[in-house]
Amino acid sequence: MTTGEDVTASTRSELARLMTEFFRAVSFQPGEVPPYQMLHDLFVRGGKLIRNSGEEPEITTVEEFIAPRQQMVDRGELSEFEEAESDEITEVFGNIAHRFSTYHKRGRSGDAEFAARGVISTQFVRTPGGWKMSSMAWDDERPGLSIPGPRPR
């Protein structure tokens, strides 16, 4: 018999695995081919990725998220990229969950290296096939917008 704590620990482990797989799907070293297609397995059909670092949110489906990145890689404009989670708070209630993550990323676009940090808000839903991401929204740190310090657990 499993307890609520066992289920929660198991769920938290699965959500952490999904986040790790997301970062693995978007990260690649020079000469590697990024495994962007893995993203389809992580999101529900119709899932959304939302970059909200500019004047207006960029709301995309998984395919719309992949296409321009793959084109940049194919043209040699983006030659390496790495993104990883730094910290997180995960909340689970029944068949829904939310993960608030800080992240850092770095890469090379053309001859220029870049690096940034930011925050991601990811929503998950339990499906008959297991947990999936339903949406992910992020914003990069910039002047006037700093990543919050340690958060109480």
Protein backbone atom coordinates (compact mmCIF):
# COMPACT_ATOMS: atom_id res chain seq x y z
CA MET A 1 0.00 0.00 0.00
CA THR A 2 1.33 3.44 -0.87
CA THR A 3 0.80 6.49 1.28
CA GLY A 4 0.10 10.02 0.10
CA GLU A 5 3.73 10.85 0.89
CA ASP A 6 4.94 7.95 -1.30
CA VAL A 7 2.76 9.11 -4.18
CA THR A 8 3.94 12.69 -3.77
CA ALA A 9 7.61 11.61 -3.67
CA SER A 10 7.08 9.46 -6.75
CA THR A 11 5.28 12.32 -8.52
CA ARG A 12 7.98 14.83 -7.59
CA SER A 13 10.61 12.43 -8.94
CA GLU A 14 8.70 12.08 -12.22
CA LEU A 15 8.30 15.85 -12.57
CA ALA A 16 12.02 16.33 -11.91
CA ARG A 17 12.74 13.73 -14.61
CA LEU A 18 10.53 15.61 -17.09
CA MET A 19 12.38 18.86 -16.37
CA THR A 20 15.75 17.13 -16.78
CA GLU A 21 14.57 15.68 -20.10
CA PHE A 22 13.42 19.12 -21.24
CA PHE A 23 16.85 20.64 -20.58
CA ARG A 24 18.51 17.64 -22.26
CA ALA A 25 16.29 18.14 -25.33
CA VAL A 26 17.33 21.78 -25.81
CA SER A 27 21.01 21.45 -24.86
CA PHE A 28 23.84 20.43 -27.19
CA GLN A 29 27.58 20.81 -27.58
CA PRO A 30 29.46 21.97 -30.72
CA GLY A 31 29.12 19.38 -33.48
CA GLU A 32 26.11 17.70 -31.86
CA VAL A 33 22.58 17.67 -33.20
CA PRO A 34 20.12 18.92 -30.57
CA PRO A 35 17.43 16.31 -29.79
CA TYR A 36 14.58 18.83 -30.10
CA GLN A 37 12.10 16.16 -31.23
CA MET A 38 12.17 14.72 -27.69
CA LEU A 39 10.04 17.69 -26.66
CA HIS A 40 6.98 16.14 -28.31
CA ASP A 41 7.06 13.31 -25.75
CA LEU A 42 7.24 15.71 -22.80
CA PHE A 43 4.23 17.90 -23.61
CA VAL A 44 0.53 17.19 -23.99
CA ARG A 45 -0.90 17.68 -27.45
CA GLY A 46 -1.45 21.43 -27.77
CA GLY A 47 1.08 22.22 -25.03
CA LYS A 48 2.47 25.76 -25.01
CA LEU A 49 5.93 27.27 -24.55
CA ILE A 50 5.86 30.97 -23.70
CA ARG A 51 8.88 33.24 -23.77
CA ASN A 52 7.93 36.42 -21.95
CA SER A 53 11.19 38.38 -21.89
CA GLY A 54 10.22 41.12 -24.34
CA GLU A 55 7.49 43.61 -25.01
CA GLU A 56 4.95 40.91 -25.83
CA PRO A 57 4.76 37.19 -24.96
CA GLU A 58 5.92 34.77 -27.66
CA ILE A 59 3.42 31.91 -27.38
CA THR A 60 4.26 28.78 -29.36
CA THR A 61 3.30 25.16 -29.75
CA VAL A 62 6.06 22.59 -29.40
CA GLU A 63 6.57 22.49 -33.18
CA GLU A 64 6.61 26.29 -33.41
CA PHE A 65 9.20 26.38 -30.62
CA ILE A 66 11.44 23.83 -32.35
CA ALA A 67 11.33 25.16 -35.93
CA PRO A 68 13.29 28.43 -35.61
CA ARG A 69 15.84 26.88 -33.25
CA GLN A 70 16.42 23.98 -35.62
CA GLN A 71 16.84 26.45 -38.52
CA MET A 72 19.44 28.41 -36.53
CA VAL A 73 21.35 25.18 -35.80
CA ASP A 74 21.08 24.01 -39.43
CA ARG A 75 22.46 27.36 -40.67
CA GLY A 76 25.29 27.26 -38.12
CA GLU A 77 24.03 30.37 -36.35
CA LEU A 78 23.53 28.52 -33.06
CA SER A 79 26.45 26.16 -32.53
CA GLU A 80 26.03 25.24 -28.86
CA PHE A 81 23.52 25.70 -26.10
CA GLU A 82 23.19 24.49 -22.55
CA GLU A 83 20.39 25.17 -20.10
CA ALA A 84 19.94 23.71 -16.62
CA GLU A 85 17.73 24.11 -13.59
CA SER A 86 19.37 25.80 -10.59
CA ASP A 87 16.61 25.52 -7.99
CA GLU A 88 12.91 24.71 -7.84
CA ILE A 89 9.73 24.65 -5.83
CA THR A 90 7.21 22.00 -6.84
CA GLU A 91 3.58 21.83 -5.76
CA VAL A 92 1.30 18.88 -6.49
CA PHE A 93 -2.44 18.58 -6.05
CA GLY A 94 -4.13 15.44 -7.38
CA ASN A 95 -3.70 15.37 -11.14
CA ILE A 96 -2.07 18.79 -11.54
CA ALA A 97 1.31 20.19 -10.55
CA HIS A 98 3.38 23.34 -10.86
CA ARG A 99 7.15 23.80 -10.77
CA PHE A 100 8.73 27.22 -10.30
CA SER A 101 12.38 26.93 -11.37
CA THR A 102 15.39 29.15 -11.63
CA TYR A 103 17.70 28.33 -14.51
CA HIS A 104 20.92 29.32 -16.16
CA LYS A 105 21.82 29.03 -19.83
CA ARG A 106 24.80 29.65 -22.03
CA GLY A 107 25.63 29.19 -25.68
CA ARG A 108 27.22 30.46 -28.84
CA SER A 109 25.39 32.34 -31.57
CA GLY A 110 27.67 33.15 -34.49
CA ASP A 111 30.96 34.32 -32.98
CA ALA A 112 29.35 35.61 -29.79
CA GLU A 113 29.00 33.70 -26.55
CA PHE A 114 25.98 34.45 -24.40
CA ALA A 115 24.79 33.56 -20.92
CA ALA A 116 21.71 34.36 -18.90
CA ARG A 117 19.66 33.31 -15.91
CA GLY A 118 15.94 33.39 -15.39
CA VAL A 119 12.80 31.81 -14.01
CA ILE A 120 10.52 29.17 -15.54
CA SER A 121 6.97 28.37 -14.50
CA THR A 122 5.95 24.90 -15.68
CA GLN A 123 2.50 23.34 -15.37
CA PHE A 124 1.99 19.58 -15.48
CA VAL A 125 -1.06 17.35 -15.83
CA ARG A 126 -1.39 13.63 -15.15
CA THR A 127 -2.62 11.85 -18.28
CA PRO A 128 -3.50 8.17 -18.80
CA GLY A 129 0.08 7.82 -20.11
CA GLY A 130 1.68 9.55 -17.12
CA TRP A 131 2.69 13.09 -16.25
CA LYS A 132 3.17 15.58 -19.10
CA MET A 133 3.92 19.28 -19.34
CA SER A 134 0.94 21.38 -20.39
CA SER A 135 2.68 24.75 -20.49
CA MET A 136 5.99 26.41 -19.74
CA ALA A 137 6.53 30.16 -19.41
CA TRP A 138 9.87 31.83 -18.76
CA ASP A 139 11.50 35.21 -18.38
CA ASP A 140 15.21 36.05 -18.40
CA GLU A 141 16.89 38.16 -15.76
CA ARG A 142 17.73 41.68 -16.96
CA PRO A 143 18.43 45.12 -15.48
CA GLY A 144 15.62 45.92 -13.08
CA LEU A 145 14.49 42.27 -12.88
CA SER A 146 16.55 40.01 -10.63
CA ILE A 147 16.08 36.37 -9.74
CA PRO A 148 14.60 36.06 -6.25
CA GLY A 149 16.89 34.83 -3.48
CA PRO A 150 16.43 31.56 -1.61
CA ARG A 151 12.79 30.77 -1.07
CA PRO A 152 11.34 29.13 2.02
CA ARG A 153 10.34 25.52 1.50
